[in-house]
N, C-alpha and C. Protein backbone atom coordinates (compact mmCIF):
# COMPACT_ATOMS: atom_id res chain seq x y z
N UNK A 1 -35.41 -28.15 50.60
CA UNK A 1 -34.65 -28.64 49.47
C UNK A 1 -33.55 -29.62 49.93
N UNK A 2 -32.83 -29.28 50.99
CA UNK A 2 -31.74 -30.13 51.47
C UNK A 2 -32.18 -31.04 52.61
N UNK A 3 -33.45 -30.93 52.97
CA UNK A 3 -33.98 -31.76 54.05
C UNK A 3 -33.86 -33.25 53.71
N UNK A 4 -34.16 -33.58 52.48
CA UNK A 4 -34.06 -34.98 52.04
C UNK A 4 -32.64 -35.50 52.11
N UNK A 5 -31.68 -34.63 51.83
CA UNK A 5 -30.27 -35.03 51.89
C UNK A 5 -29.89 -35.42 53.32
N UNK A 6 -30.34 -34.64 54.29
CA UNK A 6 -30.03 -34.93 55.69
C UNK A 6 -30.69 -36.24 56.11
N UNK A 7 -31.96 -36.40 55.76
CA UNK A 7 -32.69 -37.63 56.10
C UNK A 7 -32.02 -38.84 55.45
N UNK A 8 -31.61 -38.68 54.20
CA UNK A 8 -30.95 -39.76 53.47
C UNK A 8 -29.63 -40.17 54.14
N UNK A 9 -28.86 -39.20 54.59
CA UNK A 9 -27.59 -39.51 55.26
C UNK A 9 -27.83 -40.23 56.59
N UNK A 10 -28.84 -39.82 57.30
CA UNK A 10 -29.17 -40.48 58.57
C UNK A 10 -29.56 -41.94 58.30
N UNK A 11 -30.35 -42.17 57.24
CA UNK A 11 -30.75 -43.54 56.89
C UNK A 11 -29.54 -44.36 56.45
N UNK A 12 -28.67 -43.77 55.63
CA UNK A 12 -27.49 -44.49 55.15
C UNK A 12 -26.57 -44.91 56.29
N UNK A 13 -26.52 -44.09 57.33
CA UNK A 13 -25.67 -44.39 58.48
C UNK A 13 -26.36 -45.34 59.47
N UNK A 14 -27.62 -45.69 59.18
CA UNK A 14 -28.33 -46.65 60.01
C UNK A 14 -28.71 -46.13 61.38
N UNK A 15 -28.96 -44.84 61.48
CA UNK A 15 -29.31 -44.24 62.77
C UNK A 15 -30.81 -44.39 62.99
N UNK A 16 -31.17 -45.04 64.09
CA UNK A 16 -32.58 -45.24 64.41
C UNK A 16 -32.96 -44.57 65.73
N UNK A 17 -32.01 -44.46 66.63
CA UNK A 17 -32.28 -43.81 67.90
C UNK A 17 -31.83 -42.36 67.82
N UNK A 18 -32.44 -41.52 68.62
CA UNK A 18 -32.10 -40.10 68.70
C UNK A 18 -32.10 -39.44 67.33
N UNK A 19 -33.09 -39.80 66.53
CA UNK A 19 -33.18 -39.30 65.16
C UNK A 19 -33.16 -37.77 65.11
N UNK A 20 -33.94 -37.14 65.98
CA UNK A 20 -34.03 -35.68 65.97
C UNK A 20 -32.68 -35.03 66.27
N UNK A 21 -31.94 -35.64 67.17
CA UNK A 21 -30.63 -35.10 67.53
C UNK A 21 -29.68 -35.12 66.33
N UNK A 22 -29.67 -36.23 65.60
CA UNK A 22 -28.80 -36.34 64.44
C UNK A 22 -29.30 -35.47 63.29
N UNK A 23 -30.61 -35.32 63.19
CA UNK A 23 -31.17 -34.41 62.19
C UNK A 23 -30.71 -32.98 62.48
N UNK A 24 -30.73 -32.62 63.75
CA UNK A 24 -30.26 -31.29 64.16
C UNK A 24 -28.78 -31.12 63.81
N UNK A 25 -27.97 -32.16 64.02
CA UNK A 25 -26.54 -32.09 63.64
C UNK A 25 -26.41 -31.89 62.14
N UNK A 26 -27.28 -32.55 61.38
CA UNK A 26 -27.27 -32.36 59.93
C UNK A 26 -27.60 -30.93 59.55
N UNK A 27 -28.57 -30.34 60.25
CA UNK A 27 -28.92 -28.94 59.97
C UNK A 27 -27.77 -28.00 60.32
N UNK A 28 -27.10 -28.27 61.42
CA UNK A 28 -25.94 -27.46 61.80
C UNK A 28 -24.85 -27.61 60.76
N UNK A 29 -24.63 -28.83 60.29
CA UNK A 29 -23.64 -29.06 59.23
C UNK A 29 -24.00 -28.32 57.96
N UNK A 30 -25.28 -28.30 57.62
CA UNK A 30 -25.73 -27.57 56.43
C UNK A 30 -25.49 -26.08 56.59
N UNK A 31 -25.77 -25.57 57.77
CA UNK A 31 -25.54 -24.15 58.03
C UNK A 31 -24.06 -23.80 57.92
N UNK A 32 -23.20 -24.66 58.50
CA UNK A 32 -21.75 -24.43 58.40
C UNK A 32 -21.28 -24.52 56.95
N UNK A 33 -21.87 -25.43 56.19
CA UNK A 33 -21.51 -25.54 54.77
C UNK A 33 -21.87 -24.25 54.04
N UNK A 34 -23.04 -23.71 54.35
CA UNK A 34 -23.47 -22.45 53.74
C UNK A 34 -22.52 -21.31 54.10
N UNK A 35 -22.12 -21.26 55.37
CA UNK A 35 -21.23 -20.20 55.85
C UNK A 35 -19.85 -20.27 55.20
N UNK A 36 -19.34 -21.47 54.98
CA UNK A 36 -17.96 -21.62 54.51
C UNK A 36 -17.83 -21.88 53.01
N UNK A 37 -18.92 -22.03 52.31
CA UNK A 37 -18.86 -22.39 50.89
C UNK A 37 -18.25 -21.27 50.06
N UNK A 38 -17.38 -21.67 49.14
CA UNK A 38 -16.77 -20.74 48.18
C UNK A 38 -17.19 -21.21 46.79
N UNK A 39 -18.00 -20.40 46.10
CA UNK A 39 -18.54 -20.78 44.79
C UNK A 39 -17.44 -21.02 43.76
N UNK A 40 -16.29 -20.43 43.96
CA UNK A 40 -15.18 -20.61 43.01
C UNK A 40 -14.60 -22.02 43.08
N UNK A 41 -14.84 -22.70 44.18
CA UNK A 41 -14.19 -24.00 44.39
C UNK A 41 -15.07 -25.19 44.03
N UNK A 42 -16.33 -24.99 43.72
CA UNK A 42 -17.13 -26.15 43.37
C UNK A 42 -18.62 -25.95 43.49
N UNK A 43 -19.31 -27.07 43.53
CA UNK A 43 -20.75 -27.16 43.51
C UNK A 43 -21.27 -27.29 44.94
N UNK A 44 -22.22 -26.42 45.34
CA UNK A 44 -22.66 -26.39 46.73
C UNK A 44 -23.29 -27.70 47.21
N UNK A 45 -24.20 -28.33 46.46
CA UNK A 45 -24.81 -29.56 46.98
C UNK A 45 -23.78 -30.65 47.32
N UNK A 46 -22.74 -30.77 46.53
CA UNK A 46 -21.70 -31.77 46.83
C UNK A 46 -20.96 -31.39 48.11
N UNK A 47 -20.64 -30.12 48.26
CA UNK A 47 -19.95 -29.64 49.47
C UNK A 47 -20.85 -29.81 50.69
N UNK A 48 -22.13 -29.48 50.53
CA UNK A 48 -23.08 -29.60 51.64
C UNK A 48 -23.22 -31.06 52.07
N UNK A 49 -23.28 -31.97 51.10
CA UNK A 49 -23.42 -33.39 51.42
C UNK A 49 -22.25 -33.88 52.27
N UNK A 50 -21.04 -33.54 51.87
CA UNK A 50 -19.85 -33.97 52.61
C UNK A 50 -19.84 -33.35 54.00
N UNK A 51 -20.18 -32.08 54.10
CA UNK A 51 -20.17 -31.39 55.39
C UNK A 51 -21.23 -31.95 56.33
N UNK A 52 -22.43 -32.15 55.83
CA UNK A 52 -23.52 -32.69 56.65
C UNK A 52 -23.15 -34.08 57.15
N UNK A 53 -22.67 -34.92 56.26
CA UNK A 53 -22.27 -36.28 56.65
C UNK A 53 -21.16 -36.23 57.70
N UNK A 54 -20.22 -35.32 57.52
CA UNK A 54 -19.13 -35.16 58.49
C UNK A 54 -19.63 -34.77 59.87
N UNK A 55 -20.59 -33.86 59.92
CA UNK A 55 -21.13 -33.44 61.22
C UNK A 55 -21.89 -34.57 61.90
N UNK A 56 -22.64 -35.33 61.13
CA UNK A 56 -23.38 -36.45 61.71
C UNK A 56 -22.40 -37.52 62.21
N UNK A 57 -21.38 -37.83 61.41
CA UNK A 57 -20.38 -38.82 61.82
C UNK A 57 -19.62 -38.37 63.06
N UNK A 58 -19.32 -37.09 63.14
CA UNK A 58 -18.62 -36.56 64.32
C UNK A 58 -19.47 -36.75 65.57
N UNK A 59 -20.77 -36.51 65.45
CA UNK A 59 -21.68 -36.70 66.58
C UNK A 59 -21.75 -38.18 66.98
N UNK A 60 -21.79 -39.07 65.99
CA UNK A 60 -21.79 -40.50 66.27
C UNK A 60 -20.52 -40.90 67.01
N UNK A 61 -19.39 -40.37 66.56
CA UNK A 61 -18.11 -40.69 67.19
C UNK A 61 -18.11 -40.24 68.65
N UNK A 62 -18.62 -39.05 68.92
CA UNK A 62 -18.69 -38.56 70.30
C UNK A 62 -19.60 -39.45 71.14
N UNK A 63 -20.70 -39.88 70.56
CA UNK A 63 -21.65 -40.73 71.28
C UNK A 63 -21.00 -42.06 71.65
N UNK A 64 -20.28 -42.67 70.72
CA UNK A 64 -19.61 -43.94 71.01
C UNK A 64 -18.51 -43.76 72.04
N UNK A 65 -17.79 -42.65 72.00
CA UNK A 65 -16.74 -42.38 72.97
C UNK A 65 -17.32 -42.30 74.37
N UNK A 66 -18.45 -41.62 74.52
CA UNK A 66 -19.10 -41.49 75.82
C UNK A 66 -19.57 -42.86 76.30
N UNK A 67 -20.16 -43.66 75.41
CA UNK A 67 -20.64 -44.98 75.81
C UNK A 67 -19.50 -45.89 76.23
N UNK A 68 -18.34 -45.78 75.55
CA UNK A 68 -17.19 -46.61 75.90
C UNK A 68 -16.65 -46.25 77.28
N UNK A 69 -16.73 -44.99 77.64
CA UNK A 69 -16.17 -44.54 78.92
C UNK A 69 -17.09 -44.83 80.09
N UNK A 70 -18.38 -45.00 79.83
CA UNK A 70 -19.33 -45.25 80.91
C UNK A 70 -19.19 -46.69 81.40
N UNK A 71 -19.06 -46.83 82.67
CA UNK A 71 -18.97 -48.15 83.28
C UNK A 71 -19.99 -48.21 84.39
N UNK A 72 -20.85 -49.17 84.32
CA UNK A 72 -21.83 -49.36 85.37
C UNK A 72 -21.22 -50.27 86.42
N UNK A 73 -21.01 -49.73 87.60
CA UNK A 73 -20.37 -50.49 88.66
C UNK A 73 -21.21 -51.70 89.02
N UNK A 74 -22.50 -51.57 88.98
CA UNK A 74 -23.38 -52.68 89.32
C UNK A 74 -23.16 -53.90 88.45
N UNK A 75 -22.82 -53.69 87.18
CA UNK A 75 -22.57 -54.81 86.28
C UNK A 75 -21.36 -55.61 86.71
N UNK A 76 -20.38 -54.95 87.26
CA UNK A 76 -19.13 -55.60 87.58
C UNK A 76 -19.01 -56.00 89.05
N UNK A 77 -19.93 -55.52 89.88
CA UNK A 77 -19.85 -55.86 91.30
C UNK A 77 -19.96 -57.36 91.51
N UNK A 78 -20.84 -58.00 90.74
CA UNK A 78 -21.04 -59.43 90.91
C UNK A 78 -19.84 -60.22 90.40
N UNK A 79 -19.20 -59.72 89.36
CA UNK A 79 -18.08 -60.44 88.75
C UNK A 79 -16.83 -60.32 89.61
N UNK A 80 -16.53 -59.10 90.02
CA UNK A 80 -15.30 -58.86 90.78
C UNK A 80 -15.63 -58.66 92.25
N UNK A 81 -14.86 -59.26 93.06
CA UNK A 81 -14.93 -58.98 94.48
C UNK A 81 -13.77 -58.06 94.76
N UNK A 82 -14.08 -56.85 95.20
CA UNK A 82 -13.05 -55.83 95.31
C UNK A 82 -11.94 -56.20 96.28
N UNK A 83 -12.28 -56.99 97.28
CA UNK A 83 -11.24 -57.43 98.20
C UNK A 83 -10.24 -58.32 97.48
N UNK A 84 -10.75 -59.19 96.60
CA UNK A 84 -9.87 -60.06 95.82
C UNK A 84 -8.96 -59.24 94.91
N UNK A 85 -9.54 -58.22 94.29
CA UNK A 85 -8.75 -57.37 93.40
C UNK A 85 -7.66 -56.67 94.19
N UNK A 86 -8.01 -56.16 95.37
CA UNK A 86 -7.02 -55.48 96.20
C UNK A 86 -5.89 -56.43 96.59
N UNK A 87 -6.24 -57.66 96.92
CA UNK A 87 -5.21 -58.65 97.28
C UNK A 87 -4.32 -58.96 96.08
N UNK A 88 -4.91 -59.05 94.90
CA UNK A 88 -4.11 -59.34 93.70
C UNK A 88 -3.16 -58.20 93.39
N UNK A 89 -3.64 -56.98 93.55
CA UNK A 89 -2.77 -55.82 93.31
C UNK A 89 -1.60 -55.86 94.29
N UNK A 90 -1.88 -56.15 95.55
CA UNK A 90 -0.79 -56.25 96.54
C UNK A 90 0.18 -57.36 96.18
N UNK A 91 -0.34 -58.49 95.69
CA UNK A 91 0.53 -59.59 95.27
C UNK A 91 1.41 -59.17 94.10
N UNK A 92 0.82 -58.50 93.12
CA UNK A 92 1.60 -58.06 91.96
C UNK A 92 2.69 -57.10 92.38
N UNK A 93 2.35 -56.19 93.29
CA UNK A 93 3.30 -55.15 93.67
C UNK A 93 4.33 -55.65 94.69
N UNK A 94 4.12 -56.83 95.24
CA UNK A 94 5.07 -57.34 96.23
C UNK A 94 6.43 -57.66 95.61
N UNK A 95 6.48 -57.84 94.30
CA UNK A 95 7.76 -58.14 93.64
C UNK A 95 8.57 -56.88 93.33
N UNK A 96 8.00 -55.71 93.63
CA UNK A 96 8.64 -54.44 93.29
C UNK A 96 9.38 -53.86 94.49
N UNK A 97 10.41 -53.05 94.19
CA UNK A 97 11.06 -52.32 95.28
C UNK A 97 10.25 -51.04 95.54
N UNK A 98 10.65 -50.27 96.54
CA UNK A 98 9.86 -49.12 96.98
C UNK A 98 9.68 -48.06 95.89
N UNK A 99 10.75 -47.75 95.15
CA UNK A 99 10.63 -46.73 94.10
C UNK A 99 9.70 -47.20 93.00
N UNK A 100 9.80 -48.46 92.64
CA UNK A 100 8.93 -49.00 91.59
C UNK A 100 7.47 -48.99 92.05
N UNK A 101 7.24 -49.35 93.31
CA UNK A 101 5.88 -49.31 93.85
C UNK A 101 5.32 -47.90 93.79
N UNK A 102 6.16 -46.93 94.17
CA UNK A 102 5.73 -45.54 94.17
C UNK A 102 5.35 -45.11 92.75
N UNK A 103 6.19 -45.44 91.78
CA UNK A 103 5.94 -45.04 90.39
C UNK A 103 4.65 -45.68 89.87
N UNK A 104 4.48 -46.96 90.11
CA UNK A 104 3.27 -47.66 89.65
C UNK A 104 2.03 -47.09 90.33
N UNK A 105 2.11 -46.87 91.64
CA UNK A 105 0.97 -46.33 92.38
C UNK A 105 0.58 -44.95 91.86
N UNK A 106 1.57 -44.07 91.73
CA UNK A 106 1.28 -42.71 91.28
C UNK A 106 0.75 -42.70 89.85
N UNK A 107 1.26 -43.57 89.02
CA UNK A 107 0.86 -43.60 87.61
C UNK A 107 -0.55 -44.15 87.45
N UNK A 108 -0.85 -45.29 88.09
CA UNK A 108 -2.13 -45.95 87.89
C UNK A 108 -3.24 -45.44 88.79
N UNK A 109 -2.93 -45.24 90.06
CA UNK A 109 -3.98 -44.94 91.01
C UNK A 109 -4.18 -43.45 91.24
N UNK A 110 -3.15 -42.66 91.07
CA UNK A 110 -3.27 -41.21 91.24
C UNK A 110 -3.46 -40.54 89.88
N UNK A 111 -2.91 -41.15 88.83
CA UNK A 111 -3.09 -40.62 87.48
C UNK A 111 -2.06 -39.58 87.09
N UNK A 112 -0.92 -39.58 87.73
CA UNK A 112 0.12 -38.60 87.41
C UNK A 112 0.86 -39.01 86.14
N UNK A 113 1.41 -38.02 85.47
CA UNK A 113 2.22 -38.30 84.29
C UNK A 113 3.62 -38.70 84.74
N UNK A 114 4.37 -39.26 83.82
CA UNK A 114 5.74 -39.64 84.16
C UNK A 114 6.59 -38.41 84.45
N UNK A 115 6.29 -37.32 83.78
CA UNK A 115 7.01 -36.08 84.04
C UNK A 115 6.78 -35.57 85.45
N UNK A 116 5.55 -35.65 85.92
CA UNK A 116 5.24 -35.23 87.29
C UNK A 116 5.94 -36.12 88.31
N UNK A 117 5.93 -37.42 88.04
CA UNK A 117 6.61 -38.35 88.94
C UNK A 117 8.10 -38.07 88.96
N UNK A 118 8.66 -37.77 87.80
CA UNK A 118 10.10 -37.47 87.71
C UNK A 118 10.45 -36.25 88.56
N UNK A 119 9.62 -35.22 88.51
CA UNK A 119 9.88 -34.03 89.33
C UNK A 119 9.82 -34.35 90.82
N UNK A 120 8.84 -35.14 91.22
CA UNK A 120 8.68 -35.48 92.64
C UNK A 120 9.82 -36.34 93.16
N UNK A 121 10.32 -37.24 92.33
CA UNK A 121 11.35 -38.18 92.78
C UNK A 121 12.76 -37.70 92.47
N UNK A 122 12.85 -36.52 91.87
CA UNK A 122 14.14 -35.94 91.48
C UNK A 122 14.91 -36.88 90.56
N UNK A 123 14.19 -37.48 89.64
CA UNK A 123 14.77 -38.35 88.62
C UNK A 123 14.47 -37.72 87.26
N UNK A 124 15.15 -38.20 86.23
CA UNK A 124 14.81 -37.72 84.89
C UNK A 124 13.58 -38.48 84.39
N UNK A 125 12.96 -37.91 83.39
CA UNK A 125 11.80 -38.55 82.77
C UNK A 125 12.17 -39.95 82.28
N UNK A 126 13.34 -40.07 81.67
CA UNK A 126 13.77 -41.35 81.10
C UNK A 126 14.06 -42.39 82.17
N UNK A 127 14.56 -41.95 83.32
CA UNK A 127 14.78 -42.88 84.43
C UNK A 127 13.44 -43.41 84.94
N UNK A 128 12.48 -42.51 85.08
CA UNK A 128 11.15 -42.92 85.54
C UNK A 128 10.53 -43.89 84.53
N UNK A 129 10.64 -43.54 83.26
CA UNK A 129 10.08 -44.41 82.23
C UNK A 129 10.72 -45.79 82.26
N UNK A 130 12.03 -45.84 82.43
CA UNK A 130 12.75 -47.12 82.48
C UNK A 130 12.29 -47.94 83.69
N UNK A 131 12.22 -47.28 84.86
CA UNK A 131 11.78 -47.99 86.07
C UNK A 131 10.33 -48.47 85.93
N UNK A 132 9.50 -47.65 85.32
CA UNK A 132 8.10 -48.00 85.09
C UNK A 132 8.01 -49.26 84.24
N UNK A 133 8.77 -49.29 83.16
CA UNK A 133 8.76 -50.45 82.27
C UNK A 133 9.31 -51.69 82.98
N UNK A 134 10.36 -51.49 83.76
CA UNK A 134 10.94 -52.60 84.52
C UNK A 134 9.92 -53.15 85.52
N UNK A 135 9.21 -52.25 86.18
CA UNK A 135 8.21 -52.67 87.17
C UNK A 135 7.09 -53.46 86.49
N UNK A 136 6.62 -52.98 85.35
CA UNK A 136 5.58 -53.71 84.63
C UNK A 136 6.06 -55.09 84.21
N UNK A 137 7.30 -55.16 83.76
CA UNK A 137 7.87 -56.44 83.35
C UNK A 137 7.97 -57.40 84.53
N UNK A 138 8.39 -56.89 85.70
CA UNK A 138 8.45 -57.73 86.90
C UNK A 138 7.07 -58.26 87.26
N UNK A 139 6.07 -57.38 87.17
CA UNK A 139 4.71 -57.80 87.50
C UNK A 139 4.20 -58.83 86.50
N UNK A 140 4.49 -58.65 85.22
CA UNK A 140 4.10 -59.65 84.21
C UNK A 140 4.76 -61.00 84.48
N UNK A 141 6.04 -60.95 84.80
CA UNK A 141 6.77 -62.19 85.09
C UNK A 141 6.18 -62.91 86.29
N UNK A 142 5.76 -62.15 87.30
CA UNK A 142 5.18 -62.79 88.49
C UNK A 142 3.84 -63.44 88.17
N UNK A 143 3.10 -62.88 87.21
CA UNK A 143 1.82 -63.46 86.81
C UNK A 143 2.05 -64.74 86.01
N UNK A 144 3.05 -64.71 85.15
CA UNK A 144 3.35 -65.87 84.30
C UNK A 144 3.87 -67.05 85.10
N UNK A 145 4.41 -66.76 86.25
CA UNK A 145 4.86 -67.85 87.10
C UNK A 145 6.30 -67.89 87.16
């Protein structure tokens, strides 16, 4: 009975690849709609339609997020020469003092939060944030000339 609704939503969203996967998401959405439906609040087919569409859209969103995060190194190897990039990073950071270099390095290359850097350097969060912004501004200015 609701099979057509799921198929219709998949078509409306223009999904052509991984059809079975999205159909399965639609079935899961339908099951969740059945589990959570309250007859006092409305009409089940309308509730099921919104829930099924929501589950399919959520799956699409996750799929796009994964695709955005994937980077094929081979695609960029030809474009970027890593030695050149390393030299440019050194050039950018040459305008910074030691504390600024440390903050930029820990933030970008190690992935630490500003709070973690503040604890390590015995500075306040706001001092680290200010120095971080100053360092970025110095690096931007050096690029602009």
